[in-house]
């Protein structure tokens, strides 16, 4: 068998047999390296080493995308609120706002206008009789009315 495979002469064949090469157990390390399952294990290991950080990066990228969308929504809300505030400032700087504030706070009116004031306060005439009747009562009666009326 050796002479066909390696084309050995009879003397070389005898030398190999004497050294124990023929029939000796095969080196496990060479068998391990030559085996296909070692390549499979190494390939799976490399995939795991590459895949784990890739999955972590993907998760971080998704979290960053969510934060960016939330920040953009917040920017849009602030922009809308800013626009409303600008409109209010423009109104307050206008002559119409000055005129409205003068009418409400100072009681001013334009020429030819009639002003009617409607208030929710009770009339002074209604509160006078109760005040007059409380002056005639004694102090214990006033306290009694205070707590029980």
C-alpha atoms as a PDB file:
ATOM      1  CA  UNK A   1       0.000   0.000   0.000  1.00  0.00           C
ATOM      2  CA  UNK A   2       2.766   2.441   0.869  1.00  0.00           C
ATOM      3  CA  UNK A   3       4.706   1.644  -2.247  1.00  0.00           C
ATOM      4  CA  UNK A   4       1.737   2.465  -4.481  1.00  0.00           C
ATOM      5  CA  UNK A   5       0.740   5.627  -2.646  1.00  0.00           C
ATOM      6  CA  UNK A   6       4.154   7.150  -2.123  1.00  0.00           C
ATOM      7  CA  UNK A   7       6.161   5.196  -4.749  1.00  0.00           C
ATOM      8  CA  UNK A   8       8.645   3.945  -2.208  1.00  0.00           C
ATOM      9  CA  UNK A   9      11.400   1.518  -2.955  1.00  0.00           C
ATOM     10  CA  UNK A  10      11.649  -1.661  -0.897  1.00  0.00           C
ATOM     11  CA  UNK A  11      14.462  -0.277   1.214  1.00  0.00           C
ATOM     12  CA  UNK A  12      12.570   2.921   2.050  1.00  0.00           C
ATOM     13  CA  UNK A  13       9.484   0.873   2.793  1.00  0.00           C
ATOM     14  CA  UNK A  14      11.471  -1.258   5.241  1.00  0.00           C
ATOM     15  CA  UNK A  15      12.852   1.921   6.845  1.00  0.00           C
ATOM     16  CA  UNK A  16       9.343   3.308   7.391  1.00  0.00           C
ATOM     17  CA  UNK A  17       8.083   0.052   8.792  1.00  0.00           C
ATOM     18  CA  UNK A  18      11.036  -0.151  11.155  1.00  0.00           C
ATOM     19  CA  UNK A  19      10.449   3.394  12.413  1.00  0.00           C
ATOM     20  CA  UNK A  20       6.850   2.496  13.144  1.00  0.00           C
ATOM     21  CA  UNK A  21       5.240   4.837  10.652  1.00  0.00           C
ATOM     22  CA  UNK A  22       3.127   2.173   9.033  1.00  0.00           C
ATOM     23  CA  UNK A  23       0.338   1.031  11.343  1.00  0.00           C
ATOM     24  CA  UNK A  24       1.098   3.727  13.938  1.00  0.00           C
ATOM     25  CA  UNK A  25      -1.877   5.698  15.251  1.00  0.00           C
ATOM     26  CA  UNK A  26      -2.562   8.882  13.350  1.00  0.00           C
ATOM     27  CA  UNK A  27      -1.627  12.083  15.138  1.00  0.00           C
ATOM     28  CA  UNK A  28      -4.789  13.561  16.633  1.00  0.00           C
ATOM     29  CA  UNK A  29      -3.665  17.137  16.001  1.00  0.00           C
ATOM     30  CA  UNK A  30      -3.243  16.536  12.280  1.00  0.00           C
ATOM     31  CA  UNK A  31      -6.563  14.755  12.212  1.00  0.00           C
ATOM     32  CA  UNK A  32      -8.183  17.674  14.040  1.00  0.00           C
ATOM     33  CA  UNK A  33      -6.774  20.250  11.656  1.00  0.00           C
ATOM     34  CA  UNK A  34      -7.660  18.158   8.622  1.00  0.00           C
ATOM     35  CA  UNK A  35     -11.220  17.565   9.775  1.00  0.00           C
ATOM     36  CA  UNK A  36     -14.098  19.569   8.350  1.00  0.00           C
ATOM     37  CA  UNK A  37     -15.848  19.978  11.683  1.00  0.00           C
ATOM     38  CA  UNK A  38     -12.978  22.142  12.973  1.00  0.00           C
ATOM     39  CA  UNK A  39     -13.558  24.546  10.128  1.00  0.00           C
ATOM     40  CA  UNK A  40     -17.257  24.595  10.983  1.00  0.00           C
ATOM     41  CA  UNK A  41     -16.575  25.345  14.646  1.00  0.00           C
ATOM     42  CA  UNK A  42     -14.137  28.108  13.746  1.00  0.00           C
ATOM     43  CA  UNK A  43     -16.594  29.606  11.256  1.00  0.00           C
ATOM     44  CA  UNK A  44     -19.370  29.597  13.865  1.00  0.00           C
ATOM     45  CA  UNK A  45     -17.007  31.212  16.381  1.00  0.00           C
ATOM     46  CA  UNK A  46     -16.102  33.963  13.936  1.00  0.00           C
ATOM     47  CA  UNK A  47     -19.774  34.548  13.149  1.00  0.00           C
ATOM     48  CA  UNK A  48     -20.564  34.836  16.849  1.00  0.00           C
ATOM     49  CA  UNK A  49     -17.673  37.251  17.388  1.00  0.00           C
ATOM     50  CA  UNK A  50     -18.909  39.413  14.533  1.00  0.00           C
ATOM     51  CA  UNK A  51     -22.636  38.947  15.164  1.00  0.00           C
ATOM     52  CA  UNK A  52     -22.823  39.930  18.848  1.00  0.00           C
ATOM     53  CA  UNK A  53     -21.401  43.451  18.363  1.00  0.00           C
ATOM     54  CA  UNK A  54     -23.491  43.869  15.218  1.00  0.00           C
ATOM     55  CA  UNK A  55     -26.693  43.092  17.137  1.00  0.00           C
ATOM     56  CA  UNK A  56     -25.671  45.513  19.916  1.00  0.00           C
ATOM     57  CA  UNK A  57     -24.987  48.233  17.345  1.00  0.00           C
ATOM     58  CA  UNK A  58     -28.363  47.606  15.736  1.00  0.00           C
ATOM     59  CA  UNK A  59     -30.128  48.011  19.090  1.00  0.00           C
ATOM     60  CA  UNK A  60     -28.214  51.198  19.843  1.00  0.00           C
ATOM     61  CA  UNK A  61     -29.038  52.566  16.394  1.00  0.00           C
ATOM     62  CA  UNK A  62     -32.754  51.917  16.956  1.00  0.00           C
ATOM     63  CA  UNK A  63     -32.599  53.682  20.347  1.00  0.00           C
ATOM     64  CA  UNK A  64     -30.830  56.656  18.766  1.00  0.00           C
ATOM     65  CA  UNK A  65     -33.428  56.804  15.986  1.00  0.00           C
ATOM     66  CA  UNK A  66     -36.209  56.893  18.582  1.00  0.00           C
ATOM     67  CA  UNK A  67     -34.461  59.708  20.475  1.00  0.00           C
ATOM     68  CA  UNK A  68     -34.023  61.659  17.230  1.00  0.00           C
ATOM     69  CA  UNK A  69     -37.735  61.326  16.403  1.00  0.00           C
ATOM     70  CA  UNK A  70     -38.693  62.478  19.917  1.00  0.00           C
ATOM     71  CA  UNK A  71     -36.327  65.452  19.641  1.00  0.00           C
ATOM     72  CA  UNK A  72     -37.789  66.395  16.255  1.00  0.00           C
ATOM     73  CA  UNK A  73     -41.322  66.224  17.656  1.00  0.00           C
ATOM     74  CA  UNK A  74     -40.257  68.421  20.569  1.00  0.00           C
ATOM     75  CA  UNK A  75     -38.672  70.898  18.142  1.00  0.00           C
ATOM     76  CA  UNK A  76     -41.932  71.048  16.191  1.00  0.00           C
ATOM     77  CA  UNK A  77     -43.918  71.685  19.396  1.00  0.00           C
ATOM     78  CA  UNK A  78     -41.545  74.457  20.429  1.00  0.00           C
ATOM     79  CA  UNK A  79     -41.665  75.966  16.944  1.00  0.00           C
ATOM     80  CA  UNK A  80     -45.473  76.063  17.031  1.00  0.00           C
ATOM     81  CA  UNK A  81     -45.428  77.569  20.525  1.00  0.00           C
ATOM     82  CA  UNK A  82     -42.808  80.093  19.386  1.00  0.00           C
ATOM     83  CA  UNK A  83     -45.033  81.074  16.455  1.00  0.00           C
ATOM     84  CA  UNK A  84     -48.012  81.593  18.798  1.00  0.00           C
ATOM     85  CA  UNK A  85     -45.886  83.761  21.089  1.00  0.00           C
ATOM     86  CA  UNK A  86     -44.720  85.839  18.099  1.00  0.00           C
ATOM     87  CA  UNK A  87     -48.346  86.394  17.084  1.00  0.00           C
ATOM     88  CA  UNK A  88     -49.216  87.516  20.620  1.00  0.00           C
ATOM     89  CA  UNK A  89     -46.213  89.875  20.673  1.00  0.00           C
ATOM     90  CA  UNK A  90     -47.229  91.342  17.309  1.00  0.00           C
ATOM     91  CA  UNK A  91     -50.766  91.899  18.607  1.00  0.00           C
ATOM     92  CA  UNK A  92     -49.534  93.500  21.825  1.00  0.00           C
ATOM     93  CA  UNK A  93     -47.272  95.847  19.866  1.00  0.00           C
ATOM     94  CA  UNK A  94     -50.142  96.938  17.614  1.00  0.00           C
ATOM     95  CA  UNK A  95     -52.294 100.038  18.114  1.00  0.00           C
ATOM     96  CA  UNK A  96     -55.397  97.850  18.531  1.00  0.00           C
ATOM     97  CA  UNK A  97     -53.961  96.201  21.650  1.00  0.00           C
ATOM     98  CA  UNK A  98     -53.033  99.562  23.161  1.00  0.00           C
ATOM     99  CA  UNK A  99     -56.562 100.805  22.503  1.00  0.00           C
ATOM    100  CA  UNK A 100     -58.143  97.666  24.015  1.00  0.00           C
ATOM    101  CA  UNK A 101     -56.011  97.921  27.162  1.00  0.00           C
ATOM    102  CA  UNK A 102     -56.879 101.615  27.529  1.00  0.00           C
ATOM    103  CA  UNK A 103     -60.593 100.811  27.299  1.00  0.00           C
ATOM    104  CA  UNK A 104     -60.440  97.933  29.799  1.00  0.00           C
ATOM    105  CA  UNK A 105     -58.020  99.265  32.388  1.00  0.00           C
ATOM    106  CA  UNK A 106     -58.385 103.032  32.154  1.00  0.00           C
ATOM    107  CA  UNK A 107     -62.051 103.283  31.198  1.00  0.00           C
ATOM    108  CA  UNK A 108     -61.335 105.389  28.110  1.00  0.00           C
ATOM    109  CA  UNK A 109     -63.709 105.624  25.163  1.00  0.00           C
ATOM    110  CA  UNK A 110     -63.732 106.953  21.650  1.00  0.00           C
ATOM    111  CA  UNK A 111     -65.672 110.040  20.698  1.00  0.00           C
ATOM    112  CA  UNK A 112     -69.319 109.180  20.134  1.00  0.00           C
ATOM    113  CA  UNK A 113     -69.242 105.885  22.091  1.00  0.00           C
ATOM    114  CA  UNK A 114     -71.436 105.116  25.045  1.00  0.00           C
ATOM    115  CA  UNK A 115     -69.937 102.995  27.817  1.00  0.00           C
ATOM    116  CA  UNK A 116     -72.065 100.596  29.806  1.00  0.00           C
ATOM    117  CA  UNK A 117     -70.514  98.946  32.869  1.00  0.00           C
ATOM    118  CA  UNK A 118     -71.988  95.678  34.097  1.00  0.00           C
ATOM    119  CA  UNK A 119     -70.618  94.476  37.385  1.00  0.00           C
ATOM    120  CA  UNK A 120     -71.201  91.340  39.406  1.00  0.00           C
ATOM    121  CA  UNK A 121     -70.860  93.124  42.735  1.00  0.00           C
ATOM    122  CA  UNK A 122     -73.986  93.516  44.878  1.00  0.00           C
ATOM    123  CA  UNK A 123     -75.519  96.936  45.179  1.00  0.00           C
ATOM    124  CA  UNK A 124     -74.521  99.069  48.142  1.00  0.00           C
ATOM    125  CA  UNK A 125     -78.177  99.759  48.988  1.00  0.00           C
ATOM    126  CA  UNK A 126     -78.826  96.040  49.575  1.00  0.00           C
ATOM    127  CA  UNK A 127     -76.050  95.659  52.111  1.00  0.00           C
ATOM    128  CA  UNK A 128     -77.002  98.747  54.172  1.00  0.00           C
ATOM    129  CA  UNK A 129     -80.153  97.360  55.875  1.00  0.00           C
ATOM    130  CA  UNK A 130     -78.325  94.317  57.168  1.00  0.00           C
ATOM    131  CA  UNK A 131     -75.544  96.506  58.492  1.00  0.00           C
ATOM    132  CA  UNK A 132     -78.072  98.785  60.199  1.00  0.00           C
ATOM    133  CA  UNK A 133     -79.875  95.865  61.802  1.00  0.00           C
ATOM    134  CA  UNK A 134     -76.601  94.420  63.087  1.00  0.00           C
ATOM    135  CA  UNK A 135     -75.824  97.701  64.897  1.00  0.00           C
ATOM    136  CA  UNK A 136     -78.945  97.382  67.058  1.00  0.00           C
ATOM    137  CA  UNK A 137     -78.156  93.806  68.174  1.00  0.00           C
ATOM    138  CA  UNK A 138     -76.124  92.996  71.212  1.00  0.00           C
ATOM    139  CA  UNK A 139     -72.737  91.357  70.883  1.00  0.00           C
ATOM    140  CA  UNK A 140     -73.919  87.815  71.914  1.00  0.00           C
ATOM    141  CA  UNK A 141     -76.707  88.035  69.324  1.00  0.00           C
ATOM    142  CA  UNK A 142     -74.194  89.051  66.669  1.00  0.00           C
ATOM    143  CA  UNK A 143     -72.021  86.039  67.555  1.00  0.00           C
ATOM    144  CA  UNK A 144     -75.043  83.755  67.498  1.00  0.00           C
ATOM    145  CA  UNK A 145     -75.999  85.056  64.017  1.00  0.00           C
ATOM    146  CA  UNK A 146     -72.430  84.708  62.872  1.00  0.00           C
ATOM    147  CA  UNK A 147     -72.165  81.021  63.778  1.00  0.00           C
ATOM    148  CA  UNK A 148     -75.706  79.821  63.083  1.00  0.00           C
ATOM    149  CA  UNK A 149     -76.862  81.896  60.135  1.00  0.00           C
END
